[in-house]
PDB file of all heavy atoms in Angstrom:
ATOM      1  N   VAL A   1    -118.027-119.982  89.755  1.00  0.00           N
ATOM      2  CA  VAL A   1    -118.880-120.447  88.647  1.00  0.00           C
ATOM      3  C   VAL A   1    -119.671-119.309  88.004  1.00  0.00           C
ATOM      4  O   VAL A   1    -120.547-119.545  87.178  1.00  0.00           O
ATOM      5  CB  VAL A   1    -119.849-121.562  89.124  1.00  0.00           C
ATOM      6  CG1 VAL A   1    -119.111-122.852  89.380  1.00  0.00           C
ATOM      7  CG2 VAL A   1    -120.636-121.128  90.350  1.00  0.00           C
ATOM      8  N   SER A   2    -119.379-118.054  88.405  1.00  0.00           N
ATOM      9  CA  SER A   2    -120.047-116.859  87.858  1.00  0.00           C
ATOM     10  C   SER A   2    -121.561-116.879  88.072  1.00  0.00           C
ATOM     11  O   SER A   2    -122.309-116.334  87.266  1.00  0.00           O
ATOM     12  CB  SER A   2    -119.762-116.699  86.358  1.00  0.00           C
ATOM     13  OG  SER A   2    -118.388-116.573  86.152  1.00  0.00           O
ATOM     14  N   ASP A   3    -122.015-117.516  89.164  1.00  0.00           N
ATOM     15  CA  ASP A   3    -123.448-117.526  89.447  1.00  0.00           C
ATOM     16  C   ASP A   3    -123.820-116.273  90.247  1.00  0.00           C
ATOM     17  O   ASP A   3    -122.998-115.736  90.981  1.00  0.00           O
ATOM     18  CB  ASP A   3    -123.803-118.793  90.236  1.00  0.00           C
ATOM     19  CG  ASP A   3    -125.253-119.203  90.056  1.00  0.00           C
ATOM     20  OD1 ASP A   3    -125.986-118.524  89.297  1.00  0.00           O
ATOM     21  OD2 ASP A   3    -125.662-120.219  90.666  1.00  0.00           O
ATOM     22  N   TYR A   4    -125.067-115.816  90.102  1.00  0.00           N
ATOM     23  CA  TYR A   4    -125.559-114.598  90.769  1.00  0.00           C
ATOM     24  C   TYR A   4    -124.656-113.400  90.429  1.00  0.00           C
ATOM     25  O   TYR A   4    -124.321-112.596  91.297  1.00  0.00           O
ATOM     26  CB  TYR A   4    -125.613-114.793  92.291  1.00  0.00           C
ATOM     27  CG  TYR A   4    -126.634-115.817  92.745  1.00  0.00           C
ATOM     28  CD1 TYR A   4    -126.287-117.171  92.867  1.00  0.00           C
ATOM     29  CD2 TYR A   4    -127.941-115.449  93.045  1.00  0.00           C
ATOM     30  CE1 TYR A   4    -127.226-118.122  93.275  1.00  0.00           C
ATOM     31  CE2 TYR A   4    -128.876-116.396  93.459  1.00  0.00           C
ATOM     32  CZ  TYR A   4    -128.513-117.725  93.577  1.00  0.00           C
ATOM     33  OH  TYR A   4    -129.438-118.651  93.975  1.00  0.00           O
ATOM     34  N   ASP A   5    -124.271-113.302  89.159  1.00  0.00           N
ATOM     35  CA  ASP A   5    -123.317-112.259  88.737  1.00  0.00           C
ATOM     36  C   ASP A   5    -124.049-110.944  88.470  1.00  0.00           C
ATOM     37  O   ASP A   5    -124.273-110.561  87.327  1.00  0.00           O
ATOM     38  CB  ASP A   5    -122.574-112.742  87.478  1.00  0.00           C
ATOM     39  CG  ASP A   5    -121.399-111.844  87.124  1.00  0.00           C
ATOM     40  OD1 ASP A   5    -121.055-110.961  87.936  1.00  0.00           O
ATOM     41  OD2 ASP A   5    -120.825-112.023  86.032  1.00  0.00           O
ATOM     42  N   ILE A   6    -124.434-110.272  89.555  1.00  0.00           N
ATOM     43  CA  ILE A   6    -125.207-109.028  89.428  1.00  0.00           C
ATOM     44  C   ILE A   6    -124.843-108.099  90.573  1.00  0.00           C
ATOM     45  O   ILE A   6    -124.557-108.552  91.687  1.00  0.00           O
ATOM     46  CB  ILE A   6    -126.734-109.322  89.397  1.00  0.00           C
ATOM     47  CG1 ILE A   6    -127.552-108.043  89.116  1.00  0.00           C
ATOM     48  CG2 ILE A   6    -127.214-110.012  90.667  1.00  0.00           C
ATOM     49  CD1 ILE A   6    -129.016-108.309  88.822  1.00  0.00           C
ATOM     50  N   ALA A   7    -124.818-106.801  90.279  1.00  0.00           N
ATOM     51  CA  ALA A   7    -124.550-105.789  91.305  1.00  0.00           C
ATOM     52  C   ALA A   7    -125.371-104.549  91.001  1.00  0.00           C
ATOM     53  O   ALA A   7    -125.640-104.237  89.833  1.00  0.00           O
ATOM     54  CB  ALA A   7    -123.058-105.438  91.332  1.00  0.00           C
ATOM     55  N   LEU A   8    -125.769-103.851  92.055  1.00  0.00           N
ATOM     56  CA  LEU A   8    -126.497-102.579  91.911  1.00  0.00           C
ATOM     57  C   LEU A   8    -125.582-101.444  92.331  1.00  0.00           C
ATOM     58  O   LEU A   8    -124.824-101.583  93.291  1.00  0.00           O
ATOM     59  CB  LEU A   8    -127.743-102.588  92.798  1.00  0.00           C
ATOM     60  CG  LEU A   8    -128.846-103.544  92.375  1.00  0.00           C
ATOM     61  CD1 LEU A   8    -129.828-103.764  93.509  1.00  0.00           C
ATOM     62  CD2 LEU A   8    -129.564-103.005  91.140  1.00  0.00           C
ATOM     63  N   LEU A   9    -125.653-100.328  91.613  1.00  0.00           N
ATOM     64  CA  LEU A   9    -124.832 -99.167  91.947  1.00  0.00           C
ATOM     65  C   LEU A   9    -125.739 -97.973  92.181  1.00  0.00           C
ATOM     66  O   LEU A   9    -126.545 -97.626  91.312  1.00  0.00           O
ATOM     67  CB  LEU A   9    -123.866 -98.839  90.795  1.00  0.00           C
ATOM     68  CG  LEU A   9    -122.688 -99.798  90.645  1.00  0.00           C
ATOM     69  CD1 LEU A   9    -123.104-101.003  89.816  1.00  0.00           C
ATOM     70  CD2 LEU A   9    -121.521 -99.110  89.960  1.00  0.00           C
ATOM     71  N   GLU A  10    -125.598 -97.385  93.362  1.00  0.00           N
ATOM     72  CA  GLU A  10    -126.373 -96.182  93.662  1.00  0.00           C
ATOM     73  C   GLU A  10    -125.520 -94.961  93.346  1.00  0.00           C
ATOM     74  O   GLU A  10    -124.386 -94.850  93.807  1.00  0.00           O
ATOM     75  CB  GLU A  10    -126.800 -96.154  95.131  1.00  0.00           C
ATOM     76  CG  GLU A  10    -127.718 -94.992  95.439  1.00  0.00           C
ATOM     77  CD  GLU A  10    -128.195 -94.952  96.883  1.00  0.00           C
ATOM     78  OE1 GLU A  10    -127.688 -95.718  97.725  1.00  0.00           O
ATOM     79  OE2 GLU A  10    -129.090 -94.133  97.161  1.00  0.00           O
ATOM     80  N   MET A  11    -126.086 -94.054  92.561  1.00  0.00           N
ATOM     81  CA  MET A  11    -125.340 -92.842  92.187  1.00  0.00           C
ATOM     82  C   MET A  11    -125.452 -91.797  93.294  1.00  0.00           C
ATOM     83  O   MET A  11    -126.446 -91.734  94.003  1.00  0.00           O
ATOM     84  CB  MET A  11    -125.872 -92.286  90.867  1.00  0.00           C
ATOM     85  CG  MET A  11    -125.619 -93.217  89.701  1.00  0.00           C
ATOM     86  SD  MET A  11    -126.169 -92.533  88.120  1.00  0.00           S
ATOM     87  CE  MET A  11    -127.861 -93.109  88.031  1.00  0.00           C
ATOM     88  N   GLU A  12    -124.408 -90.999  93.414  1.00  0.00           N
ATOM     89  CA  GLU A  12    -124.336 -89.966  94.457  1.00  0.00           C
ATOM     90  C   GLU A  12    -125.500 -88.973  94.318  1.00  0.00           C
ATOM     91  O   GLU A  12    -126.070 -88.528  95.297  1.00  0.00           O
ATOM     92  CB  GLU A  12    -123.001 -89.225  94.319  1.00  0.00           C
ATOM     93  CG  GLU A  12    -122.589 -88.448  95.539  1.00  0.00           C
ATOM     94  CD  GLU A  12    -122.137 -89.323  96.694  1.00  0.00           C
ATOM     95  OE1 GLU A  12    -121.099 -89.990  96.597  1.00  0.00           O
ATOM     96  OE2 GLU A  12    -122.842 -89.309  97.713  1.00  0.00           O
ATOM     97  N   MET A  13    -125.825 -88.625  93.065  1.00  0.00           N
ATOM     98  CA  MET A  13    -126.920 -87.691  92.802  1.00  0.00           C
ATOM     99  C   MET A  13    -127.765 -88.245  91.667  1.00  0.00           C
ATOM    100  O   MET A  13    -127.243 -88.937  90.799  1.00  0.00           O
ATOM    101  CB  MET A  13    -126.357 -86.322  92.374  1.00  0.00           C
ATOM    102  CG  MET A  13    -125.818 -85.534  93.535  1.00  0.00           C
ATOM    103  SD  MET A  13    -124.854 -84.074  93.088  1.00  0.00           S
ATOM    104  CE  MET A  13    -125.194 -83.757  91.409  1.00  0.00           C
ATOM    105  N   PRO A  14    -129.077 -87.925  91.658  1.00  0.00           N
ATOM    106  CA  PRO A  14    -129.907 -88.452  90.569  1.00  0.00           C
ATOM    107  C   PRO A  14    -129.450 -87.901  89.222  1.00  0.00           C
ATOM    108  O   PRO A  14    -128.891 -86.807  89.148  1.00  0.00           O
ATOM    109  CB  PRO A  14    -131.310 -87.928  90.892  1.00  0.00           C
ATOM    110  CG  PRO A  14    -131.246 -87.298  92.224  1.00  0.00           C
ATOM    111  CD  PRO A  14    -129.819 -87.091  92.591  1.00  0.00           C
ATOM    112  N   VAL A  15    -129.695 -88.656  88.167  1.00  0.00           N
ATOM    113  CA  VAL A  15    -129.360 -88.199  86.818  1.00  0.00           C
ATOM    114  C   VAL A  15    -130.654 -87.691  86.185  1.00  0.00           C
ATOM    115  O   VAL A  15    -131.744 -88.165  86.512  1.00  0.00           O
ATOM    116  CB  VAL A  15    -128.728 -89.353  85.995  1.00  0.00           C
ATOM    117  CG1 VAL A  15    -129.722 -90.468  85.711  1.00  0.00           C
ATOM    118  CG2 VAL A  15    -128.121 -88.843  84.705  1.00  0.00           C
ATOM    119  N   PHE A  16    -130.539 -86.689  85.327  1.00  0.00           N
ATOM    120  CA  PHE A  16    -131.728 -86.145  84.672  1.00  0.00           C
ATOM    121  C   PHE A  16    -131.901 -86.827  83.326  1.00  0.00           C
ATOM    122  O   PHE A  16    -130.954 -86.914  82.544  1.00  0.00           O
ATOM    123  CB  PHE A  16    -131.595 -84.630  84.506  1.00  0.00           C
ATOM    124  CG  PHE A  16    -131.432 -83.936  85.828  1.00  0.00           C
ATOM    125  CD1 PHE A  16    -130.200 -83.471  86.252  1.00  0.00           C
ATOM    126  CD2 PHE A  16    -132.522 -83.792  86.686  1.00  0.00           C
ATOM    127  CE1 PHE A  16    -130.041 -82.874  87.493  1.00  0.00           C
ATOM    128  CE2 PHE A  16    -132.384 -83.195  87.930  1.00  0.00           C
ATOM    129  CZ  PHE A  16    -131.148 -82.732  88.335  1.00  0.00           C
ATOM    130  N   PHE A  17    -133.095 -87.323  83.062  1.00  0.00           N
ATOM    131  CA  PHE A  17    -133.333 -88.016  81.801  1.00  0.00           C
ATOM    132  C   PHE A  17    -133.435 -87.007  80.657  1.00  0.00           C
ATOM    133  O   PHE A  17    -133.887 -85.889  80.836  1.00  0.00           O
ATOM    134  CB  PHE A  17    -134.600 -88.874  81.891  1.00  0.00           C
ATOM    135  CG  PHE A  17    -134.483 -89.976  82.903  1.00  0.00           C
ATOM    136  CD1 PHE A  17    -135.579 -90.389  83.652  1.00  0.00           C
ATOM    137  CD2 PHE A  17    -133.268 -90.622  83.115  1.00  0.00           C
ATOM    138  CE1 PHE A  17    -135.470 -91.403  84.584  1.00  0.00           C
ATOM    139  CE2 PHE A  17    -133.151 -91.646  84.039  1.00  0.00           C
ATOM    140  CZ  PHE A  17    -134.251 -92.022  84.774  1.00  0.00           C
ATOM    141  N   SER A  18    -132.960 -87.435  79.493  1.00  0.00           N
ATOM    142  CA  SER A  18    -132.923 -86.561  78.315  1.00  0.00           C
ATOM    143  C   SER A  18    -133.024 -87.460  77.091  1.00  0.00           C
ATOM    144  O   SER A  18    -133.239 -88.661  77.216  1.00  0.00           O
ATOM    145  CB  SER A  18    -131.579 -85.814  78.293  1.00  0.00           C
ATOM    146  OG  SER A  18    -130.528 -86.764  78.110  1.00  0.00           O
ATOM    147  N   GLU A  19    -132.823 -86.875  75.914  1.00  0.00           N
ATOM    148  CA  GLU A  19    -132.810 -87.686  74.690  1.00  0.00           C
ATOM    149  C   GLU A  19    -131.753 -88.781  74.762  1.00  0.00           C
ATOM    150  O   GLU A  19    -131.919 -89.858  74.221  1.00  0.00           O
ATOM    151  CB  GLU A  19    -132.449 -86.798  73.490  1.00  0.00           C
ATOM    152  CG  GLU A  19    -133.629 -86.204  72.779  1.00  0.00           C
ATOM    153  CD  GLU A  19    -133.158 -85.423  71.571  1.00  0.00           C
ATOM    154  OE1 GLU A  19    -132.436 -85.983  70.735  1.00  0.00           O
ATOM    155  OE2 GLU A  19    -133.514 -84.243  71.475  1.00  0.00           O
ATOM    156  N   LEU A  20    -130.622 -88.478  75.452  1.00  0.00           N
ATOM    157  CA  LEU A  20    -129.494 -89.408  75.449  1.00  0.00           C
ATOM    158  C   LEU A  20    -129.432 -90.299  76.691  1.00  0.00           C
ATOM    159  O   LEU A  20    -128.643 -91.236  76.734  1.00  0.00           O
ATOM    160  CB  LEU A  20    -128.176 -88.628  75.329  1.00  0.00           C
ATOM    161  CG  LEU A  20    -127.985 -87.813  74.047  1.00  0.00           C
ATOM    162  CD1 LEU A  20    -126.620 -87.160  74.032  1.00  0.00           C
ATOM    163  CD2 LEU A  20    -128.163 -88.689  72.820  1.00  0.00           C
ATOM    164  N   VAL A  21    -130.219 -89.994  77.727  1.00  0.00           N
ATOM    165  CA  VAL A  21    -130.194 -90.789  78.965  1.00  0.00           C
ATOM    166  C   VAL A  21    -131.623 -91.171  79.340  1.00  0.00           C
ATOM    167  O   VAL A  21    -132.445 -90.300  79.614  1.00  0.00           O
ATOM    168  CB  VAL A  21    -129.547 -90.008  80.137  1.00  0.00           C
ATOM    169  CG1 VAL A  21    -129.470 -90.884  81.385  1.00  0.00           C
ATOM    170  CG2 VAL A  21    -128.157 -89.507  79.764  1.00  0.00           C
ATOM    171  N   GLN A  22    -131.902 -92.475  79.309  1.00  0.00           N
ATOM    172  CA  GLN A  22    -133.230 -93.000  79.650  1.00  0.00           C
ATOM    173  C   GLN A  22    -133.060 -94.329  80.380  1.00  0.00           C
ATOM    174  O   GLN A  22    -132.106 -95.053  80.129  1.00  0.00           O
ATOM    175  CB  GLN A  22    -134.061 -93.256  78.376  1.00  0.00           C
ATOM    176  CG  GLN A  22    -134.538 -92.004  77.664  1.00  0.00           C
ATOM    177  CD  GLN A  22    -135.641 -91.282  78.427  1.00  0.00           C
ATOM    178  OE1 GLN A  22    -136.526 -91.913  79.002  1.00  0.00           O
ATOM    179  NE2 GLN A  22    -135.566 -89.965  78.449  1.00  0.00           N
ATOM    180  N   PRO A  23    -134.017 -94.695  81.253  1.00  0.00           N
ATOM    181  CA  PRO A  23    -133.928 -96.009  81.901  1.00  0.00           C
ATOM    182  C   PRO A  23    -134.490 -97.099  80.993  1.00  0.00           C
ATOM    183  O   PRO A  23    -135.384 -96.841  80.186  1.00  0.00           O
ATOM    184  CB  PRO A  23    -134.821 -95.836  83.137  1.00  0.00           C
ATOM    185  CG  PRO A  23    -135.862 -94.835  82.700  1.00  0.00           C
ATOM    186  CD  PRO A  23    -135.187 -93.918  81.711  1.00  0.00           C
ATOM    187  N   ILE A  24    -133.971 -98.311  81.136  1.00  0.00           N
ATOM    188  CA  ILE A  24    -134.539 -99.467  80.426  1.00  0.00           C
ATOM    189  C   ILE A  24    -135.607-100.080  81.336  1.00  0.00           C
ATOM    190  O   ILE A  24    -135.613 -99.837  82.543  1.00  0.00           O
ATOM    191  CB  ILE A  24    -133.430-100.496  80.088  1.00  0.00           C
ATOM    192  CG1 ILE A  24    -133.896-101.469  79.004  1.00  0.00           C
ATOM    193  CG2 ILE A  24    -132.954-101.231  81.345  1.00  0.00           C
ATOM    194  CD1 ILE A  24    -132.769-102.334  78.428  1.00  0.00           C
ATOM    195  N   CYS A  25    -136.530-100.854  80.783  1.00  0.00           N
ATOM    196  CA  CYS A  25    -137.546-101.534  81.605  1.00  0.00           C
ATOM    197  C   CYS A  25    -136.953-102.807  82.208  1.00  0.00           C
ATOM    198  O   CYS A  25    -136.196-103.514  81.532  1.00  0.00           O
ATOM    199  CB  CYS A  25    -138.756-101.924  80.766  1.00  0.00           C
ATOM    200  SG  CYS A  25    -139.611-100.529  80.014  1.00  0.00           S
ATOM    201  N   LEU A  26    -137.335-103.093  83.438  1.00  0.00           N
ATOM    202  CA  LEU A  26    -136.933-104.352  84.069  1.00  0.00           C
ATOM    203  C   LEU A  26    -138.007-105.398  83.778  1.00  0.00           C
ATOM    204  O   LEU A  26    -139.187-105.121  83.964  1.00  0.00           O
ATOM    205  CB  LEU A  26    -136.817-104.182  85.590  1.00  0.00           C
ATOM    206  CG  LEU A  26    -135.615-103.410  86.101  1.00  0.00           C
ATOM    207  CD1 LEU A  26    -135.725-103.251  87.610  1.00  0.00           C
ATOM    208  CD2 LEU A  26    -134.315-104.127  85.748  1.00  0.00           C
ATOM    209  N   PRO A  27    -137.626-106.590  83.338  1.00  0.00           N
ATOM    210  CA  PRO A  27    -138.634-107.622  83.082  1.00  0.00           C
ATOM    211  C   PRO A  27    -139.066-108.275  84.394  1.00  0.00           C
ATOM    212  O   PRO A  27    -138.234-108.605  85.227  1.00  0.00           O
ATOM    213  CB  PRO A  27    -137.884-108.630  82.199  1.00  0.00           C
ATOM    214  CG  PRO A  27    -136.447-108.461  82.574  1.00  0.00           C
ATOM    215  CD  PRO A  27    -136.256-107.052  83.065  1.00  0.00           C
ATOM    216  N   SER A  28    -140.373-108.427  84.594  1.00  0.00           N
ATOM    217  CA  SER A  28    -140.856-109.075  85.817  1.00  0.00           C
ATOM    218  C   SER A  28    -140.495-110.558  85.778  1.00  0.00           C
ATOM    219  O   SER A  28    -140.162-111.108  84.722  1.00  0.00           O
ATOM    220  CB  SER A  28    -142.357-108.899  85.959  1.00  0.00           C
ATOM    221  OG  SER A  28    -143.000-109.610  84.928  1.00  0.00           O
ATOM    222  N   THR A  29    -140.589-111.203  86.937  1.00  0.00           N
ATOM    223  CA  THR A  29    -140.181-112.608  87.089  1.00  0.00           C
ATOM    224  C   THR A  29    -140.862-113.519  86.068  1.00  0.00           C
ATOM    225  O   THR A  29    -140.291-114.512  85.626  1.00  0.00           O
ATOM    226  CB  THR A  29    -140.560-113.082  88.512  1.00  0.00           C
ATOM    227  OG1 THR A  29    -140.161-112.063  89.413  1.00  0.00           O
ATOM    228  CG2 THR A  29    -139.858-114.371  88.879  1.00  0.00           C
ATOM    229  N   SER A  30    -142.108-113.153  85.683  1.00  0.00           N
ATOM    230  CA  SER A  30    -142.882-114.048  84.812  1.00  0.00           C
ATOM    231  C   SER A  30    -142.630-113.776  83.321  1.00  0.00           C
ATOM    232  O   SER A  30    -143.174-114.461  82.471  1.00  0.00           O
ATOM    233  CB  SER A  30    -144.374-113.867  85.091  1.00  0.00           C
ATOM    234  OG  SER A  30    -144.773-112.548  84.733  1.00  0.00           O
ATOM    235  N   ARG A  31    -141.826-112.774  83.019  1.00  0.00           N
ATOM    236  CA  ARG A  31    -141.658-112.422  81.602  1.00  0.00           C
ATOM    237  C   ARG A  31    -140.935-113.523  80.837  1.00  0.00           C
ATOM    238  O   ARG A  31    -139.998-114.124  81.327  1.00  0.00           O
ATOM    239  CB  ARG A  31    -140.891-111.110  81.452  1.00  0.00           C
ATOM    240  CG  ARG A  31    -140.965-110.609  80.033  1.00  0.00           C
ATOM    241  CD  ARG A  31    -140.560-109.164  79.873  1.00  0.00           C
ATOM    242  NE  ARG A  31    -141.005-108.741  78.551  1.00  0.00           N
ATOM    243  CZ  ARG A  31    -142.160-108.186  78.296  1.00  0.00           C
ATOM    244  NH1 ARG A  31    -142.996-107.940  79.278  1.00  0.00           N
ATOM    245  NH2 ARG A  31    -142.506-107.872  77.073  1.00  0.00           N
ATOM    246  N   ILE A  32    -141.393-113.783  79.620  1.00  0.00           N
ATOM    247  CA  ILE A  32    -140.811-114.858  78.812  1.00  0.00           C
ATOM    248  C   ILE A  32    -140.138-114.243  77.589  1.00  0.00           C
ATOM    249  O   ILE A  32    -140.753-113.451  76.862  1.00  0.00           O
ATOM    250  CB  ILE A  32    -141.921-115.831  78.333  1.00  0.00           C
ATOM    251  CG1 ILE A  32    -142.648-116.445  79.532  1.00  0.00           C
ATOM    252  CG2 ILE A  32    -141.354-116.930  77.448  1.00  0.00           C
ATOM    253  CD1 ILE A  32    -144.065-116.909  79.217  1.00  0.00           C
TER     254      ILE A  32
END
């Protein structure tokens, strides 16, 4: 039923943030 369709991937080495690579914000449980 495609429920709980989520996976986390750990990278072998950290990535360096730049103009082209940035993290997105995670919404907290209460976010609407």
